[in-house]
Amino acid sequence: MIEVAKGIVSYNLSLFLRPGTHFFYFIKGGKHYMLSRKYEKGLYKETNMQMNYIVIHDRDWRLPPMLAPRHVDWMEYEESSDDDSGFDKSKSIFKPFRLDTPHSLHRMFEHDFRICKVNKLVKEKEDYLSVKAVLSKHYPMIKNMFLATTVDSSYPNLSFNDYTLWCQKCNFVDKNHVNVASLDNIMIASMVRTDTARSIETGKGEMSRFEMLEVIVRVAMKKFKTEIMENEKKT
């Protein structure tokens, strides 16, 4: 520990240093070079500069040897042979983790699509089925994208700030139809829940996975449906 007194105020700095000689000095007010009377002074290496120094001697303490393998105290453990040293999911903390399957992804999508409000946005049955088919095709990517985004956000949900960053990465903003204010309105509208989804708990201003599906549809309608209608008016 290095200590320097200034008037009645004492400053301490604690560092873990290796054995050997360590030189140091003090700076006052960001301008003046100072040495302390409390520590030895000497020339720094082969220069003419005086510095304080301290000598750290070799430490005589050692960590006590383990009397028994740590795992013996709390669990039964069987050492694997060299031929069986690879990763074994059944013996790891990932044992209860279930991989996605086409069946489980289909059930997830049907659940998310049922409780979001796409049916209120797309009135025509043919268009509705087409939108559902496109989202179903890309649902594994959407699900993984939502999961990867929420890991650094408000897992298992997506915070408002991270939603904005996600929209920027997806290049949703354009000069003609979608600006930042539009994205805010889209998120707010997507988070208005029906009675079916009201029981799903989230934090204030946080978006769930099924709401991301609705966001994608709303952004697509804002970007492309408007453009299609404008082109139809011109023709």
Protein backbone atom coordinates (compact mmCIF):
# COMPACT_ATOMS: atom_id res chain seq x y z
CA MET A 1 0.00 0.00 0.00
CA ILE A 2 1.28 3.48 -0.94
CA GLU A 3 0.17 6.38 1.24
CA VAL A 4 0.73 10.11 0.83
CA ALA A 5 -0.54 12.84 3.16
CA LYS A 6 -1.69 16.25 2.00
CA GLY A 7 -2.44 18.49 4.96
CA ILE A 8 -4.86 16.53 7.09
CA VAL A 9 -6.04 14.38 4.16
CA SER A 10 -4.44 10.99 3.54
CA TYR A 11 -4.72 9.12 0.22
CA ASN A 12 -4.23 5.38 -0.08
CA LEU A 13 -3.56 3.26 -3.16
CA SER A 14 -3.59 -0.54 -2.87
CA LEU A 15 -1.95 -2.63 -5.58
CA PHE A 16 -0.90 -6.26 -5.82
CA LEU A 17 2.73 -6.12 -6.99
CA ARG A 18 5.15 -8.81 -8.05
CA PRO A 19 8.30 -9.39 -6.00
CA GLY A 20 11.04 -6.94 -6.95
CA THR A 21 11.81 -3.20 -6.89
CA HIS A 22 9.06 -0.83 -7.99
CA PHE A 23 9.66 2.90 -8.66
CA PHE A 24 6.95 5.57 -8.42
CA TYR A 25 6.37 9.30 -8.01
CA PHE A 26 3.46 11.72 -7.46
CA ILE A 27 1.96 14.45 -9.61
CA LYS A 28 0.43 17.49 -7.87
CA GLY A 29 -2.33 19.35 -9.67
CA GLY A 30 -1.47 17.66 -12.92
CA LYS A 31 1.70 19.79 -13.20
CA HIS A 32 4.22 19.33 -10.40
CA TYR A 33 6.46 16.30 -9.92
CA MET A 34 6.72 15.24 -6.25
CA LEU A 35 8.44 12.63 -4.11
CA SER A 36 7.43 11.39 -0.67
CA ARG A 37 9.65 11.42 2.43
CA LYS A 38 8.00 8.24 3.66
CA TYR A 39 9.68 6.06 1.03
CA GLU A 40 13.25 5.45 -0.07
CA LYS A 41 14.57 7.47 -3.02
CA GLY A 42 16.91 6.39 -5.77
CA LEU A 43 17.84 6.87 -9.42
CA TYR A 44 15.44 5.24 -11.84
CA LYS A 45 17.40 2.63 -13.81
CA GLU A 46 20.16 4.36 -15.80
CA THR A 47 18.70 7.87 -15.73
CA ASN A 48 19.33 10.89 -13.50
CA MET A 49 15.68 10.99 -12.38
CA GLN A 50 15.04 10.51 -8.68
CA MET A 51 12.03 8.39 -7.73
CA ASN A 52 10.59 6.78 -4.67
CA TYR A 53 10.77 3.01 -4.63
CA ILE A 54 9.60 0.04 -2.63
CA VAL A 55 10.98 -3.49 -2.55
CA ILE A 56 8.57 -6.42 -2.57
CA HIS A 57 10.17 -9.58 -1.23
CA ASP A 58 9.27 -13.10 -2.22
CA ARG A 59 6.20 -14.23 -0.38
CA ASP A 60 6.62 -17.23 1.90
CA TRP A 61 2.98 -18.33 1.82
CA ARG A 62 1.71 -21.09 -0.41
CA LEU A 63 -1.73 -22.45 -1.18
CA PRO A 64 -2.35 -25.59 0.88
CA PRO A 65 -2.50 -28.78 -1.22
CA MET A 66 -5.95 -30.24 -1.79
CA LEU A 67 -6.45 -33.30 0.33
CA ALA A 68 -9.05 -34.74 -2.03
CA PRO A 69 -10.63 -33.83 -5.37
CA ARG A 70 -13.21 -31.11 -4.81
CA HIS A 71 -16.00 -32.99 -6.58
CA VAL A 72 -15.81 -35.86 -4.09
CA ASP A 73 -17.33 -33.63 -1.41
CA TRP A 74 -20.57 -32.87 -3.24
CA MET A 75 -21.30 -35.29 -6.04
CA GLU A 76 -20.50 -38.73 -7.32
CA TYR A 77 -18.06 -38.48 -10.16
CA GLU A 78 -16.56 -41.07 -12.42
CA GLU A 79 -13.50 -40.05 -14.36
CA SER A 80 -13.77 -40.78 -18.04
CA SER A 81 -11.06 -42.54 -19.94
CA ASP A 82 -8.89 -40.81 -22.52
CA ASP A 83 -10.98 -42.42 -25.25
CA ASP A 84 -14.15 -40.84 -23.81
CA SER A 85 -12.95 -37.31 -23.05
CA GLY A 86 -15.19 -35.49 -25.55
CA PHE A 87 -18.17 -33.33 -24.69
CA ASP A 88 -21.16 -35.32 -23.48
CA LYS A 89 -24.40 -33.31 -23.35
CA SER A 90 -26.03 -35.85 -21.02
CA LYS A 91 -23.35 -35.14 -18.39
CA SER A 92 -23.33 -31.36 -18.79
CA ILE A 93 -25.48 -28.48 -17.55
CA PHE A 94 -27.12 -28.50 -20.98
CA LYS A 95 -28.69 -31.91 -20.32
CA PRO A 96 -32.30 -30.56 -20.05
CA PHE A 97 -31.84 -28.32 -23.11
CA ARG A 98 -34.08 -29.42 -25.98
CA LEU A 99 -33.12 -28.75 -29.58
CA ASP A 100 -35.62 -27.25 -31.99
CA THR A 101 -37.36 -29.68 -34.28
CA PRO A 102 -39.64 -28.99 -37.26
CA HIS A 103 -42.58 -30.03 -35.07
CA SER A 104 -41.66 -27.75 -32.13
CA LEU A 105 -40.96 -24.82 -34.48
CA HIS A 106 -44.32 -25.34 -36.15
CA ARG A 107 -46.08 -25.29 -32.76
CA MET A 108 -44.20 -22.13 -31.73
CA PHE A 109 -45.11 -20.38 -34.95
CA GLU A 110 -48.78 -21.36 -34.76
CA HIS A 111 -48.91 -20.07 -31.18
CA ASP A 112 -47.19 -16.75 -32.00
CA PHE A 113 -49.21 -16.17 -35.15
CA ARG A 114 -52.49 -16.95 -33.40
CA ILE A 115 -52.04 -14.38 -30.62
CA CYS A 116 -50.58 -11.54 -32.69
CA LYS A 117 -52.94 -9.19 -34.57
CA VAL A 118 -51.98 -9.94 -38.18
CA ASN A 119 -55.56 -11.06 -38.84
CA LYS A 120 -56.70 -7.51 -38.05
CA LEU A 121 -54.11 -6.00 -40.38
CA VAL A 122 -54.58 -8.26 -43.40
CA LYS A 123 -58.31 -8.54 -44.13
CA GLU A 124 -58.30 -10.47 -47.42
CA LYS A 125 -58.17 -14.23 -46.78
CA GLU A 126 -55.87 -14.93 -49.69
CA ASP A 127 -53.41 -12.24 -48.60
CA TYR A 128 -53.66 -13.43 -45.00
CA LEU A 129 -52.73 -16.99 -45.95
CA SER A 130 -49.86 -15.73 -48.13
CA VAL A 131 -48.46 -13.63 -45.27
CA LYS A 132 -48.74 -16.59 -42.92
CA ALA A 133 -46.92 -18.86 -45.38
CA VAL A 134 -44.03 -16.38 -45.79
CA LEU A 135 -43.66 -15.87 -42.04
CA SER A 136 -43.83 -19.62 -41.43
CA LYS A 137 -41.07 -20.23 -43.97
CA HIS A 138 -38.75 -17.73 -42.30
CA TYR A 139 -39.86 -18.37 -38.71
CA PRO A 140 -36.74 -20.35 -37.62
CA MET A 141 -34.57 -17.37 -38.62
CA ILE A 142 -36.96 -14.87 -36.96
CA LYS A 143 -37.05 -16.94 -33.76
CA ASN A 144 -33.24 -17.20 -33.60
CA MET A 145 -32.86 -13.51 -34.42
CA PHE A 146 -35.22 -12.57 -31.59
CA LEU A 147 -33.39 -14.86 -29.17
CA ALA A 148 -29.95 -13.50 -30.14
CA THR A 149 -31.19 -9.92 -29.74
CA THR A 150 -32.83 -10.45 -26.36
CA VAL A 151 -29.72 -12.12 -24.88
CA ASP A 152 -28.09 -8.67 -24.69
CA SER A 153 -31.37 -6.93 -23.89
CA SER A 154 -34.14 -7.65 -21.36
CA TYR A 155 -34.23 -11.43 -21.84
CA PRO A 156 -36.63 -13.04 -22.58
CA ASN A 157 -38.07 -9.80 -24.01
CA LEU A 158 -36.75 -6.97 -26.16
CA SER A 159 -36.38 -3.49 -24.69
CA PHE A 160 -37.42 -0.34 -26.54
CA ASN A 161 -33.83 0.84 -27.12
CA ASP A 162 -32.70 -2.54 -28.42
CA TYR A 163 -35.78 -2.68 -30.66
CA THR A 164 -34.60 0.56 -32.28
CA LEU A 165 -31.10 -0.87 -32.80
CA TRP A 166 -32.58 -4.03 -34.30
CA CYS A 167 -34.65 -1.97 -36.76
CA GLN A 168 -31.54 -0.03 -37.76
CA LYS A 169 -29.58 -3.25 -38.38
CA CYS A 170 -32.47 -4.52 -40.54
CA ASN A 171 -32.43 -1.27 -42.58
CA PHE A 172 -36.13 -0.65 -41.99
CA VAL A 173 -35.74 3.14 -42.19
CA ASP A 174 -36.02 4.71 -45.63
CA LYS A 175 -36.48 8.21 -47.02
CA ASN A 176 -40.00 7.78 -48.33
CA HIS A 177 -42.18 5.66 -46.03
CA VAL A 178 -40.52 4.63 -42.74
CA ASN A 179 -38.72 6.98 -40.36
CA VAL A 180 -37.73 6.56 -36.70
CA ALA A 181 -41.06 7.96 -35.50
CA SER A 182 -42.89 5.42 -37.66
CA LEU A 183 -40.93 2.59 -36.05
CA ASP A 184 -41.88 3.86 -32.59
CA ASN A 185 -45.55 3.94 -33.57
CA ILE A 186 -45.29 0.45 -35.09
CA MET A 187 -43.87 -0.98 -31.86
CA ILE A 188 -46.55 0.72 -29.75
CA ALA A 189 -49.33 -0.56 -32.03
CA SER A 190 -47.88 -4.08 -32.05
CA MET A 191 -47.81 -4.15 -28.25
CA VAL A 192 -51.53 -3.41 -27.91
CA ARG A 193 -52.75 -6.84 -26.87
CA THR A 194 -55.95 -8.74 -27.34
CA ASP A 195 -57.55 -10.75 -24.54
CA THR A 196 -55.71 -13.86 -25.77
CA ALA A 197 -52.25 -12.35 -25.23
CA ARG A 198 -52.99 -10.19 -22.20
CA SER A 199 -51.94 -12.88 -19.73
CA ILE A 200 -48.35 -12.96 -21.09
CA GLU A 201 -46.22 -10.94 -18.68
CA THR A 202 -43.55 -8.50 -19.89
CA GLY A 203 -41.86 -5.44 -18.50
CA LYS A 204 -43.08 -2.00 -19.43
CA GLY A 205 -41.98 -1.07 -22.95
CA GLU A 206 -40.68 -4.58 -23.70
CA MET A 207 -41.61 -6.63 -26.76
CA SER A 208 -42.31 -10.37 -26.86
CA ARG A 209 -41.48 -12.77 -29.69
CA PHE A 210 -45.00 -12.95 -31.12
CA GLU A 211 -45.08 -9.15 -31.32
CA MET A 212 -41.99 -9.19 -33.52
CA LEU A 213 -44.02 -11.04 -36.15
CA GLU A 214 -46.58 -8.25 -36.13
CA VAL A 215 -43.82 -5.61 -36.32
CA ILE A 216 -42.41 -7.27 -39.44
CA VAL A 217 -45.85 -7.27 -41.10
CA ARG A 218 -46.52 -3.65 -40.16
CA VAL A 219 -43.13 -2.50 -41.46
CA ALA A 220 -43.68 -4.41 -44.71
CA MET A 221 -47.12 -2.81 -45.15
CA LYS A 222 -45.68 0.62 -44.45
CA LYS A 223 -42.76 0.20 -46.84
CA PHE A 224 -44.28 -1.76 -49.71
CA LYS A 225 -48.08 -1.58 -49.64
CA THR A 226 -47.95 2.22 -49.75
CA GLU A 227 -45.59 2.06 -52.70
CA ILE A 228 -47.82 -0.45 -54.53
CA MET A 229 -50.89 1.75 -54.01
CA GLU A 230 -49.00 4.79 -55.27
CA ASN A 231 -47.93 2.91 -58.40
CA GLU A 232 -51.51 1.76 -59.00
CA LYS A 233 -52.70 5.37 -58.85
CA LYS A 234 -50.12 6.40 -61.43
CA THR A 235 -51.23 3.70 -63.85
